[in-house]
Amino acid sequence: MKPTTFYFVRHGESEGNAAHVFTGQTDSPLTARGRRQAETVSDELAKVAFDRIVASDLSRTRDTALVIARPHGIPVELVPELREIDVGDQTGKSFDETRGLPNWNDDGFVSWPGGETLDQVLARTRRAIERLTRESPGKTILIVGHGGVNRILLSYFLGILPKLDRTPGGNTSISVVHTDGTTHTVERLFAVDHVADTKPPTP
């Protein structure tokens, strides 16, 4: 089977990102900065010939994907299995408030209290990616997803799980993977050069 090329893009800055709180699977809309980031990554990807554009069903990914899809003239497909990690009891809590509590780490953290395990996240997201790979061999697919889920999937493609790759991956970071469902090649990892100009304007 011909390899499918996946572009994994993290959504633009959300209200939860800006407030430094865990949002998990709750809805958290894009900020004004996040919308600017979506426009910038859309310009960056405008010349890529995407065959499909896919996002999770949360608004921060859907709205980022809709901006990117506009110049390509193709619809955005929503795939709930690509939602962010369910962080359970930490949902809505600030990063400072949860500092020192167990977290995903290089020892393969087992689960979020009241939320998902690493294996559960990987199982549901892999099902979606493998289905897309079977449906679209040799095609180029954009996945607009979430920071946690993208990091787990990229670590899987790198073959390092349960360890996680720790390359910084900011909002609208771009990663590129070629896979036939068995063999995976990571071409680009959490690239963010294109977002350098999306800081809030100086008063």
N, C-alpha and C. Protein backbone atom coordinates (compact mmCIF):
# COMPACT_ATOMS: atom_id res chain seq x y z
N MET A 1 0.83 -1.19 0.00
CA MET A 1 0.00 0.00 0.00
C MET A 1 0.88 1.25 0.00
N LYS A 2 0.53 2.22 -0.84
CA LYS A 2 1.31 3.45 -0.91
C LYS A 2 1.16 4.22 0.40
N PRO A 3 2.26 4.81 0.92
CA PRO A 3 2.17 5.56 2.18
C PRO A 3 1.23 6.77 2.06
N THR A 4 0.53 7.02 3.14
CA THR A 4 -0.28 8.22 3.28
C THR A 4 0.56 9.27 4.01
N THR A 5 0.48 10.50 3.57
CA THR A 5 1.20 11.60 4.23
C THR A 5 0.23 12.36 5.12
N PHE A 6 0.59 12.48 6.39
CA PHE A 6 -0.21 13.22 7.36
C PHE A 6 0.53 14.48 7.79
N TYR A 7 -0.15 15.60 7.73
CA TYR A 7 0.30 16.84 8.35
C TYR A 7 -0.47 16.97 9.67
N PHE A 8 0.24 16.94 10.79
CA PHE A 8 -0.39 17.14 12.10
C PHE A 8 -0.16 18.57 12.54
N VAL A 9 -1.24 19.33 12.73
CA VAL A 9 -1.15 20.72 13.14
C VAL A 9 -1.92 20.89 14.45
N ARG A 10 -1.29 21.53 15.41
CA ARG A 10 -2.01 21.84 16.65
C ARG A 10 -2.89 23.07 16.40
N HIS A 11 -4.04 23.13 17.06
CA HIS A 11 -4.94 24.26 16.93
C HIS A 11 -4.29 25.57 17.39
N GLY A 12 -4.87 26.71 16.99
CA GLY A 12 -4.41 28.00 17.47
C GLY A 12 -4.66 28.17 18.96
N GLU A 13 -4.09 29.23 19.51
CA GLU A 13 -4.24 29.46 20.96
C GLU A 13 -5.72 29.51 21.35
N SER A 14 -6.07 28.75 22.38
CA SER A 14 -7.44 28.75 22.90
C SER A 14 -7.51 29.60 24.16
N GLU A 15 -8.72 29.87 24.61
CA GLU A 15 -8.89 30.63 25.86
C GLU A 15 -8.25 29.88 27.04
N GLY A 16 -8.35 28.56 27.04
CA GLY A 16 -7.71 27.77 28.09
C GLY A 16 -6.20 27.87 28.04
N ASN A 17 -5.62 27.82 26.83
CA ASN A 17 -4.17 28.00 26.69
C ASN A 17 -3.74 29.34 27.27
N ALA A 18 -4.46 30.40 26.90
CA ALA A 18 -4.10 31.74 27.35
C ALA A 18 -4.21 31.89 28.86
N ALA A 19 -5.16 31.18 29.47
CA ALA A 19 -5.36 31.25 30.92
C ALA A 19 -4.50 30.25 31.68
N HIS A 20 -3.76 29.40 30.96
CA HIS A 20 -2.89 28.39 31.57
C HIS A 20 -3.68 27.42 32.45
N VAL A 21 -4.79 26.92 31.87
CA VAL A 21 -5.59 25.92 32.58
C VAL A 21 -5.75 24.68 31.71
N PHE A 22 -5.98 23.53 32.35
CA PHE A 22 -6.24 22.29 31.64
C PHE A 22 -7.68 22.30 31.15
N THR A 23 -7.88 22.15 29.85
CA THR A 23 -9.24 22.10 29.30
C THR A 23 -9.64 20.69 28.87
N GLY A 24 -8.67 19.86 28.49
CA GLY A 24 -8.99 18.48 28.12
C GLY A 24 -10.03 18.43 27.02
N GLN A 25 -11.14 17.73 27.29
CA GLN A 25 -12.17 17.55 26.28
C GLN A 25 -13.29 18.56 26.37
N THR A 26 -13.17 19.56 27.25
CA THR A 26 -14.16 20.63 27.27
C THR A 26 -13.88 21.59 26.13
N ASP A 27 -14.91 22.34 25.73
CA ASP A 27 -14.74 23.26 24.61
C ASP A 27 -14.09 24.54 25.10
N SER A 28 -13.11 25.02 24.35
CA SER A 28 -12.39 26.25 24.69
C SER A 28 -12.10 26.98 23.38
N PRO A 29 -12.85 28.04 23.09
CA PRO A 29 -12.73 28.71 21.79
C PRO A 29 -11.35 29.34 21.56
N LEU A 30 -11.07 29.63 20.31
CA LEU A 30 -9.84 30.34 19.96
C LEU A 30 -9.87 31.77 20.50
N THR A 31 -8.71 32.26 20.90
CA THR A 31 -8.55 33.67 21.22
C THR A 31 -8.32 34.45 19.93
N ALA A 32 -8.25 35.78 20.04
CA ALA A 32 -7.92 36.60 18.87
C ALA A 32 -6.54 36.22 18.35
N ARG A 33 -5.61 35.97 19.26
CA ARG A 33 -4.27 35.54 18.84
C ARG A 33 -4.34 34.18 18.15
N GLY A 34 -5.17 33.28 18.67
CA GLY A 34 -5.32 31.97 18.05
C GLY A 34 -5.87 32.05 16.65
N ARG A 35 -6.78 33.02 16.41
CA ARG A 35 -7.32 33.19 15.06
C ARG A 35 -6.24 33.74 14.12
N ARG A 36 -5.39 34.62 14.63
CA ARG A 36 -4.28 35.11 13.80
C ARG A 36 -3.31 33.97 13.48
N GLN A 37 -3.05 33.12 14.47
CA GLN A 37 -2.17 31.97 14.24
C GLN A 37 -2.76 31.05 13.18
N ALA A 38 -4.09 30.86 13.22
CA ALA A 38 -4.74 30.01 12.21
C ALA A 38 -4.56 30.59 10.81
N GLU A 39 -4.67 31.90 10.68
CA GLU A 39 -4.46 32.54 9.38
C GLU A 39 -3.01 32.36 8.92
N THR A 40 -2.08 32.47 9.87
CA THR A 40 -0.66 32.35 9.52
C THR A 40 -0.32 30.94 9.07
N VAL A 41 -0.81 29.93 9.79
CA VAL A 41 -0.51 28.55 9.38
C VAL A 41 -1.24 28.21 8.09
N SER A 42 -2.39 28.83 7.86
CA SER A 42 -3.10 28.64 6.59
C SER A 42 -2.23 29.14 5.43
N ASP A 43 -1.61 30.31 5.60
CA ASP A 43 -0.71 30.82 4.57
C ASP A 43 0.47 29.87 4.36
N GLU A 44 1.00 29.33 5.46
CA GLU A 44 2.14 28.42 5.39
C GLU A 44 1.80 27.15 4.60
N LEU A 45 0.56 26.69 4.73
CA LEU A 45 0.16 25.41 4.12
C LEU A 45 -0.64 25.57 2.83
N ALA A 46 -0.75 26.80 2.35
CA ALA A 46 -1.63 27.06 1.21
C ALA A 46 -1.22 26.30 -0.05
N LYS A 47 0.08 26.01 -0.20
CA LYS A 47 0.56 25.35 -1.41
C LYS A 47 0.63 23.84 -1.29
N VAL A 48 0.26 23.30 -0.12
CA VAL A 48 0.23 21.84 0.04
C VAL A 48 -1.07 21.31 -0.57
N ALA A 49 -0.96 20.30 -1.39
CA ALA A 49 -2.14 19.76 -2.07
C ALA A 49 -2.83 18.72 -1.19
N PHE A 50 -3.63 19.19 -0.25
CA PHE A 50 -4.33 18.27 0.65
C PHE A 50 -5.49 17.58 -0.08
N ASP A 51 -5.64 16.30 0.18
CA ASP A 51 -6.79 15.55 -0.32
C ASP A 51 -7.93 15.54 0.68
N ARG A 52 -7.59 15.60 1.96
CA ARG A 52 -8.61 15.62 3.02
C ARG A 52 -8.11 16.52 4.15
N ILE A 53 -9.05 17.16 4.84
CA ILE A 53 -8.74 17.95 6.02
C ILE A 53 -9.65 17.48 7.14
N VAL A 54 -9.03 17.08 8.25
CA VAL A 54 -9.72 16.43 9.35
C VAL A 54 -9.42 17.18 10.64
N ALA A 55 -10.40 17.26 11.54
CA ALA A 55 -10.20 17.88 12.85
C ALA A 55 -11.00 17.12 13.89
N SER A 56 -10.64 17.29 15.16
CA SER A 56 -11.50 16.79 16.22
C SER A 56 -12.77 17.64 16.23
N ASP A 57 -13.76 17.24 17.02
CA ASP A 57 -15.04 17.96 16.99
C ASP A 57 -15.10 19.09 18.01
N LEU A 58 -13.98 19.46 18.64
CA LEU A 58 -13.96 20.60 19.54
C LEU A 58 -13.70 21.88 18.73
N SER A 59 -14.27 23.00 19.16
CA SER A 59 -14.27 24.20 18.33
C SER A 59 -12.87 24.73 18.05
N ARG A 60 -11.93 24.55 18.97
CA ARG A 60 -10.59 25.12 18.75
C ARG A 60 -9.88 24.45 17.58
N THR A 61 -10.13 23.15 17.38
CA THR A 61 -9.55 22.47 16.22
C THR A 61 -10.39 22.69 14.97
N ARG A 62 -11.70 22.61 15.13
CA ARG A 62 -12.59 22.81 13.97
C ARG A 62 -12.38 24.18 13.35
N ASP A 63 -12.34 25.22 14.19
CA ASP A 63 -12.23 26.58 13.66
C ASP A 63 -10.85 26.83 13.04
N THR A 64 -9.81 26.24 13.61
CA THR A 64 -8.49 26.34 12.99
C THR A 64 -8.50 25.65 11.63
N ALA A 65 -9.10 24.47 11.57
CA ALA A 65 -9.16 23.71 10.32
C ALA A 65 -9.95 24.43 9.25
N LEU A 66 -11.05 25.09 9.64
CA LEU A 66 -11.86 25.82 8.66
C LEU A 66 -11.07 26.95 8.01
N VAL A 67 -10.22 27.62 8.78
CA VAL A 67 -9.39 28.68 8.22
C VAL A 67 -8.39 28.09 7.22
N ILE A 68 -7.74 26.99 7.60
CA ILE A 68 -6.75 26.36 6.71
C ILE A 68 -7.42 25.82 5.46
N ALA A 69 -8.65 25.31 5.59
CA ALA A 69 -9.34 24.67 4.46
C ALA A 69 -9.81 25.67 3.42
N ARG A 70 -9.99 26.92 3.82
CA ARG A 70 -10.63 27.91 2.93
C ARG A 70 -9.96 28.00 1.55
N PRO A 71 -8.62 28.18 1.46
CA PRO A 71 -8.02 28.30 0.11
C PRO A 71 -8.00 26.98 -0.66
N HIS A 72 -8.20 25.87 0.02
CA HIS A 72 -8.16 24.56 -0.66
C HIS A 72 -9.52 24.17 -1.22
N GLY A 73 -10.58 24.79 -0.70
CA GLY A 73 -11.92 24.51 -1.22
C GLY A 73 -12.42 23.11 -0.94
N ILE A 74 -11.95 22.50 0.18
CA ILE A 74 -12.43 21.16 0.53
C ILE A 74 -13.03 21.21 1.94
N PRO A 75 -13.99 20.32 2.25
CA PRO A 75 -14.66 20.37 3.55
C PRO A 75 -13.78 19.86 4.68
N VAL A 76 -14.12 20.26 5.88
CA VAL A 76 -13.46 19.76 7.08
C VAL A 76 -14.27 18.60 7.64
N GLU A 77 -13.62 17.45 7.81
CA GLU A 77 -14.26 16.28 8.39
C GLU A 77 -13.99 16.26 9.89
N LEU A 78 -15.02 16.04 10.71
CA LEU A 78 -14.87 16.02 12.15
C LEU A 78 -14.80 14.58 12.65
N VAL A 79 -13.76 14.28 13.42
CA VAL A 79 -13.52 12.93 13.93
C VAL A 79 -13.39 13.00 15.46
N PRO A 80 -14.44 12.65 16.20
CA PRO A 80 -14.42 12.77 17.66
C PRO A 80 -13.30 11.98 18.34
N GLU A 81 -12.84 10.88 17.71
CA GLU A 81 -11.77 10.07 18.32
C GLU A 81 -10.46 10.84 18.46
N LEU A 82 -10.34 11.98 17.77
CA LEU A 82 -9.12 12.77 17.82
C LEU A 82 -9.18 13.88 18.87
N ARG A 83 -10.20 13.84 19.73
CA ARG A 83 -10.29 14.82 20.82
C ARG A 83 -9.05 14.76 21.72
N GLU A 84 -8.86 15.86 22.45
CA GLU A 84 -7.75 15.93 23.39
C GLU A 84 -7.91 14.89 24.50
N ILE A 85 -6.84 14.65 25.25
CA ILE A 85 -6.85 13.74 26.39
C ILE A 85 -7.92 14.16 27.39
N ASP A 86 -8.67 13.20 27.92
CA ASP A 86 -9.58 13.47 29.04
C ASP A 86 -8.72 13.55 30.30
N VAL A 87 -8.56 14.77 30.84
CA VAL A 87 -7.67 14.96 31.99
C VAL A 87 -8.41 14.81 33.32
N GLY A 88 -9.66 14.38 33.27
CA GLY A 88 -10.38 14.01 34.47
C GLY A 88 -10.48 15.11 35.51
N ASP A 89 -10.00 14.81 36.73
CA ASP A 89 -10.14 15.72 37.86
C ASP A 89 -9.38 17.03 37.67
N GLN A 90 -8.44 17.07 36.72
CA GLN A 90 -7.65 18.29 36.52
C GLN A 90 -8.32 19.26 35.54
N THR A 91 -9.45 18.86 34.94
CA THR A 91 -10.15 19.74 34.01
C THR A 91 -10.52 21.06 34.69
N GLY A 92 -10.14 22.16 34.07
CA GLY A 92 -10.46 23.48 34.59
C GLY A 92 -9.49 24.01 35.62
N LYS A 93 -8.53 23.19 36.04
CA LYS A 93 -7.55 23.63 37.04
C LYS A 93 -6.36 24.28 36.35
N SER A 94 -5.73 25.23 37.04
CA SER A 94 -4.59 25.92 36.47
C SER A 94 -3.36 25.04 36.53
N PHE A 95 -2.38 25.35 35.66
CA PHE A 95 -1.13 24.61 35.67
C PHE A 95 -0.44 24.75 37.03
N ASP A 96 -0.48 25.95 37.60
CA ASP A 96 0.15 26.17 38.91
C ASP A 96 -0.54 25.37 40.00
N GLU A 97 -1.86 25.28 39.91
CA GLU A 97 -2.64 24.57 40.93
C GLU A 97 -2.31 23.09 40.95
N THR A 98 -1.95 22.54 39.82
CA THR A 98 -1.68 21.10 39.73
C THR A 98 -0.19 20.78 39.70
N ARG A 99 0.63 21.80 39.90
CA ARG A 99 2.08 21.57 39.88
C ARG A 99 2.45 20.56 40.98
N GLY A 100 3.29 19.59 40.61
CA GLY A 100 3.71 18.59 41.57
C GLY A 100 2.86 17.34 41.57
N LEU A 101 1.67 17.40 40.94
CA LEU A 101 0.84 16.20 40.83
C LEU A 101 1.36 15.32 39.70
N PRO A 102 1.00 14.02 39.69
CA PRO A 102 1.43 13.15 38.59
C PRO A 102 1.01 13.71 37.24
N ASN A 103 1.84 13.48 36.24
CA ASN A 103 1.59 14.00 34.91
C ASN A 103 2.18 13.04 33.89
N TRP A 104 1.88 13.25 32.60
CA TRP A 104 2.55 12.46 31.58
C TRP A 104 4.06 12.72 31.71
N ASN A 105 4.84 11.67 31.72
CA ASN A 105 6.28 11.87 31.88
C ASN A 105 7.04 10.77 31.17
N ASP A 106 8.36 10.85 31.21
CA ASP A 106 9.18 9.91 30.46
C ASP A 106 9.19 8.51 31.04
N ASP A 107 8.53 8.32 32.17
CA ASP A 107 8.40 6.97 32.74
C ASP A 107 7.09 6.31 32.32
N GLY A 108 6.33 6.99 31.46
CA GLY A 108 5.08 6.40 30.98
C GLY A 108 3.97 6.49 32.01
N PHE A 109 3.63 7.71 32.44
CA PHE A 109 2.56 7.95 33.41
C PHE A 109 1.32 7.14 33.04
N VAL A 110 0.69 6.52 34.03
CA VAL A 110 -0.38 5.55 33.77
C VAL A 110 -1.70 6.21 33.40
N SER A 111 -2.19 7.16 34.20
CA SER A 111 -3.48 7.76 33.88
C SER A 111 -3.66 9.08 34.62
N TRP A 112 -4.57 9.89 34.08
CA TRP A 112 -5.00 11.09 34.78
C TRP A 112 -6.07 10.67 35.78
N PRO A 113 -6.02 11.13 37.03
CA PRO A 113 -7.08 10.78 38.01
C PRO A 113 -8.45 11.15 37.46
N GLY A 114 -9.31 10.15 37.32
CA GLY A 114 -10.64 10.38 36.78
C GLY A 114 -10.67 10.53 35.28
N GLY A 115 -9.53 10.40 34.62
CA GLY A 115 -9.46 10.60 33.17
C GLY A 115 -8.95 9.37 32.44
N GLU A 116 -8.21 9.60 31.35
CA GLU A 116 -7.77 8.52 30.48
C GLU A 116 -6.36 8.05 30.79
N THR A 117 -6.11 6.80 30.43
CA THR A 117 -4.75 6.27 30.46
C THR A 117 -4.08 6.56 29.11
N LEU A 118 -2.77 6.46 29.11
CA LEU A 118 -2.02 6.62 27.87
C LEU A 118 -2.48 5.60 26.84
N ASP A 119 -2.68 4.35 27.26
CA ASP A 119 -3.11 3.30 26.33
C ASP A 119 -4.48 3.61 25.74
N GLN A 120 -5.39 4.16 26.55
CA GLN A 120 -6.72 4.49 26.04
C GLN A 120 -6.67 5.58 24.99
N VAL A 121 -5.85 6.61 25.25
CA VAL A 121 -5.72 7.70 24.27
C VAL A 121 -5.12 7.17 22.98
N LEU A 122 -4.06 6.37 23.10
CA LEU A 122 -3.41 5.84 21.91
C LEU A 122 -4.35 4.94 21.12
N ALA A 123 -5.13 4.12 21.79
CA ALA A 123 -6.02 3.18 21.11
C ALA A 123 -7.07 3.92 20.27
N ARG A 124 -7.70 4.92 20.86
CA ARG A 124 -8.78 5.61 20.11
C ARG A 124 -8.22 6.46 18.97
N THR A 125 -7.08 7.10 19.19
CA THR A 125 -6.52 7.95 18.13
C THR A 125 -5.90 7.11 17.02
N ARG A 126 -5.26 5.99 17.38
CA ARG A 126 -4.71 5.11 16.35
C ARG A 126 -5.80 4.55 15.46
N ARG A 127 -6.94 4.20 16.04
CA ARG A 127 -8.06 3.68 15.23
C ARG A 127 -8.43 4.68 14.14
N ALA A 128 -8.49 5.95 14.52
CA ALA A 128 -8.86 6.97 13.55
C ALA A 128 -7.80 7.13 12.47
N ILE A 129 -6.52 7.18 12.87
CA ILE A 129 -5.44 7.36 11.91
C ILE A 129 -5.33 6.14 10.98
N GLU A 130 -5.46 4.95 11.52
CA GLU A 130 -5.37 3.75 10.70
C GLU A 130 -6.53 3.66 9.72
N ARG A 131 -7.72 4.09 10.14
CA ARG A 131 -8.86 4.12 9.22
C ARG A 131 -8.61 5.09 8.08
N LEU A 132 -8.11 6.28 8.39
CA LEU A 132 -7.82 7.26 7.36
C LEU A 132 -6.73 6.76 6.41
N THR A 133 -5.74 6.05 6.94
CA THR A 133 -4.67 5.50 6.12
C THR A 133 -5.21 4.46 5.13
N ARG A 134 -6.09 3.59 5.63
CA ARG A 134 -6.70 2.58 4.74
C ARG A 134 -7.56 3.22 3.67
N GLU A 135 -8.30 4.26 4.06
CA GLU A 135 -9.23 4.89 3.12
C GLU A 135 -8.51 5.72 2.06
N SER A 136 -7.32 6.23 2.39
CA SER A 136 -6.66 7.20 1.50
C SER A 136 -5.19 6.88 1.27
N PRO A 137 -4.89 5.67 0.75
CA PRO A 137 -3.48 5.35 0.49
C PRO A 137 -2.88 6.28 -0.55
N GLY A 138 -1.68 6.76 -0.27
CA GLY A 138 -0.99 7.63 -1.20
C GLY A 138 -1.49 9.07 -1.21
N LYS A 139 -2.46 9.39 -0.36
CA LYS A 139 -3.03 10.73 -0.32
C LYS A 139 -2.33 11.57 0.76
N THR A 140 -2.66 12.87 0.78
CA THR A 140 -2.11 13.81 1.76
C THR A 140 -3.25 14.34 2.61
N ILE A 141 -3.16 14.13 3.91
CA ILE A 141 -4.25 14.46 4.83
C ILE A 141 -3.75 15.42 5.91
N LEU A 142 -4.49 16.48 6.14
CA LEU A 142 -4.22 17.39 7.25
C LEU A 142 -5.04 16.97 8.45
N ILE A 143 -4.39 16.80 9.60
CA ILE A 143 -5.07 16.55 10.87
C ILE A 143 -4.86 17.77 11.76
N VAL A 144 -5.92 18.49 12.07
CA VAL A 144 -5.82 19.57 13.04
C VAL A 144 -6.26 19.02 14.39
N GLY A 145 -5.28 18.91 15.30
CA GLY A 145 -5.54 18.24 16.56
C GLY A 145 -5.07 19.04 17.76
N HIS A 146 -4.74 18.31 18.82
CA HIS A 146 -4.46 18.88 20.13
C HIS A 146 -3.03 18.57 20.56
N GLY A 147 -2.51 19.41 21.44
CA GLY A 147 -1.13 19.27 21.87
C GLY A 147 -0.81 17.92 22.46
N GLY A 148 -1.64 17.44 23.39
CA GLY A 148 -1.37 16.17 24.04
C GLY A 148 -1.51 14.99 23.11
N VAL A 149 -2.59 14.95 22.35
CA VAL A 149 -2.84 13.84 21.43
C VAL A 149 -1.78 13.82 20.32
N ASN A 150 -1.45 14.99 19.75
CA ASN A 150 -0.43 15.01 18.71
C ASN A 150 0.91 14.49 19.23
N ARG A 151 1.26 14.86 20.46
CA ARG A 151 2.54 14.40 21.03
C ARG A 151 2.55 12.88 21.21
N ILE A 152 1.44 12.32 21.66
CA ILE A 152 1.36 10.86 21.82
C ILE A 152 1.48 10.17 20.46
N LEU A 153 0.75 10.66 19.46
CA LEU A 153 0.81 10.04 18.13
C LEU A 153 2.19 10.17 17.51
N LEU A 154 2.83 11.34 17.63
CA LEU A 154 4.17 11.49 17.07
C LEU A 154 5.16 10.60 17.80
N SER A 155 5.01 10.43 19.11
CA SER A 155 5.89 9.53 19.86
C SER A 155 5.67 8.09 19.43
N TYR A 156 4.43 7.74 19.10
CA TYR A 156 4.15 6.41 18.57
C TYR A 156 4.83 6.22 17.21
N PHE A 157 4.71 7.20 16.32
CA PHE A 157 5.34 7.09 15.01
C PHE A 157 6.86 7.04 15.12
N LEU A 158 7.42 7.69 16.14
CA LEU A 158 8.87 7.65 16.36
C LEU A 158 9.31 6.34 17.00
N GLY A 159 8.36 5.56 17.52
CA GLY A 159 8.67 4.27 18.12
C GLY A 159 9.28 4.37 19.52
N ILE A 160 8.92 5.44 20.29
CA ILE A 160 9.55 5.63 21.60
C ILE A 160 8.60 5.46 22.77
N LEU A 161 7.29 5.25 22.51
CA LEU A 161 6.36 5.06 23.62
C LEU A 161 6.77 3.89 24.50
N PRO A 162 6.54 3.95 25.84
CA PRO A 162 5.74 4.95 26.58
C PRO A 162 6.45 6.26 26.86
N LYS A 163 7.71 6.41 26.44
CA LYS A 163 8.33 7.73 26.56
C LYS A 163 7.67 8.68 25.56
N LEU A 164 7.70 9.96 25.87
CA LEU A 164 7.13 10.97 24.98
C LEU A 164 8.23 11.89 24.46
N ASP A 165 8.16 12.18 23.17
CA ASP A 165 9.08 13.16 22.62
C ASP A 165 8.82 14.51 23.27
N ARG A 166 9.88 15.21 23.68
CA ARG A 166 9.74 16.47 24.42
C ARG A 166 10.10 17.69 23.58
N THR A 167 10.14 17.55 22.27
CA THR A 167 10.34 18.72 21.43
C THR A 167 9.22 19.72 21.69
N PRO A 168 9.54 21.00 21.97
CA PRO A 168 8.47 21.98 22.20
C PRO A 168 7.51 22.01 21.01
N GLY A 169 6.22 22.05 21.31
CA GLY A 169 5.21 22.05 20.25
C GLY A 169 4.13 23.08 20.53
N GLY A 170 4.35 24.32 20.11
CA GLY A 170 3.41 25.39 20.38
C GLY A 170 2.17 25.33 19.51
N ASN A 171 1.30 26.29 19.72
CA ASN A 171 0.07 26.36 18.94
C ASN A 171 0.38 26.51 17.44
N THR A 172 -0.33 25.76 16.65
CA THR A 172 -0.21 25.62 15.19
C THR A 172 1.14 25.06 14.75
N SER A 173 1.83 24.35 15.64
CA SER A 173 3.04 23.63 15.23
C SER A 173 2.68 22.60 14.16
N ILE A 174 3.64 22.32 13.28
CA ILE A 174 3.43 21.42 12.14
C ILE A 174 4.37 20.23 12.25
N SER A 175 3.80 19.03 12.13
CA SER A 175 4.59 17.80 12.02
C SER A 175 4.13 17.05 10.78
N VAL A 176 5.04 16.32 10.14
CA VAL A 176 4.71 15.58 8.92
C VAL A 176 5.16 14.14 9.07
N VAL A 177 4.25 13.22 8.77
CA VAL A 177 4.51 11.78 8.90
C VAL A 177 4.06 11.07 7.63
N HIS A 178 4.85 10.11 7.17
CA HIS A 178 4.47 9.22 6.07
C HIS A 178 4.28 7.83 6.66
N THR A 179 3.12 7.21 6.41
CA THR A 179 2.87 5.88 6.97
C THR A 179 2.00 5.05 6.03
N ASP A 180 2.32 3.75 5.96
CA ASP A 180 1.46 2.81 5.24
C ASP A 180 0.67 1.94 6.22
N GLY A 181 0.70 2.34 7.51
CA GLY A 181 0.02 1.58 8.55
C GLY A 181 0.96 0.67 9.31
N THR A 182 2.13 0.41 8.74
CA THR A 182 3.12 -0.47 9.37
C THR A 182 4.46 0.25 9.57
N THR A 183 4.92 0.88 8.52
CA THR A 183 6.20 1.60 8.54
C THR A 183 5.92 3.10 8.57
N HIS A 184 6.61 3.80 9.48
CA HIS A 184 6.35 5.23 9.67
C HIS A 184 7.65 6.02 9.52
N THR A 185 7.57 7.14 8.84
CA THR A 185 8.70 8.06 8.71
C THR A 185 8.26 9.45 9.14
N VAL A 186 8.93 9.99 10.16
CA VAL A 186 8.62 11.34 10.63
C VAL A 186 9.56 12.30 9.90
N GLU A 187 8.98 13.17 9.08
CA GLU A 187 9.76 14.09 8.25
C GLU A 187 9.98 15.44 8.94
N ARG A 188 9.00 15.87 9.71
CA ARG A 188 9.03 17.19 10.35
C ARG A 188 8.40 17.07 11.72
N LEU A 189 8.93 17.76 12.72
CA LEU A 189 8.47 17.55 14.09
C LEU A 189 8.26 18.89 14.80
N PHE A 190 6.99 19.22 15.05
CA PHE A 190 6.60 20.38 15.86
C PHE A 190 7.25 21.69 15.39
N ALA A 191 7.28 21.92 14.09
CA ALA A 191 7.87 23.14 13.54
C ALA A 191 6.96 24.34 13.84
N VAL A 192 7.57 25.44 14.30
CA VAL A 192 6.79 26.62 14.69
C VAL A 192 7.35 27.93 14.11
N ASP A 193 8.27 27.84 13.16
CA ASP A 193 8.88 29.06 12.61
C ASP A 193 7.84 30.03 12.06
N HIS A 194 6.76 29.51 11.52
CA HIS A 194 5.76 30.34 10.87
C HIS A 194 4.94 31.19 11.84
N VAL A 195 4.98 30.92 13.15
CA VAL A 195 4.14 31.66 14.10
C VAL A 195 4.89 32.78 14.80
N ALA A 196 6.07 33.11 14.35
CA ALA A 196 6.88 34.13 15.03
C ALA A 196 6.22 35.50 15.01
N ASP A 197 5.33 35.73 14.06
CA ASP A 197 4.74 37.07 13.92
C ASP A 197 3.32 37.16 14.46
N THR A 198 2.91 36.24 15.33
CA THR A 198 1.52 36.24 15.79
C THR A 198 1.38 36.69 17.23
N LYS A 199 2.38 37.36 17.78
CA LYS A 199 2.28 37.89 19.13
C LYS A 199 1.27 39.05 19.13
N PRO A 200 0.64 39.33 20.29
CA PRO A 200 -0.29 40.45 20.33
C PRO A 200 0.40 41.75 19.91
N PRO A 201 -0.30 42.64 19.19
CA PRO A 201 0.33 43.88 18.75
C PRO A 201 0.74 44.75 19.94
N THR A 202 1.82 45.50 19.78
CA THR A 202 2.28 46.40 20.84
C THR A 202 1.32 47.57 20.98
N PRO A 203 0.90 47.91 22.21
CA PRO A 203 -0.06 49.03 22.39
C PRO A 203 0.52 50.33 21.85
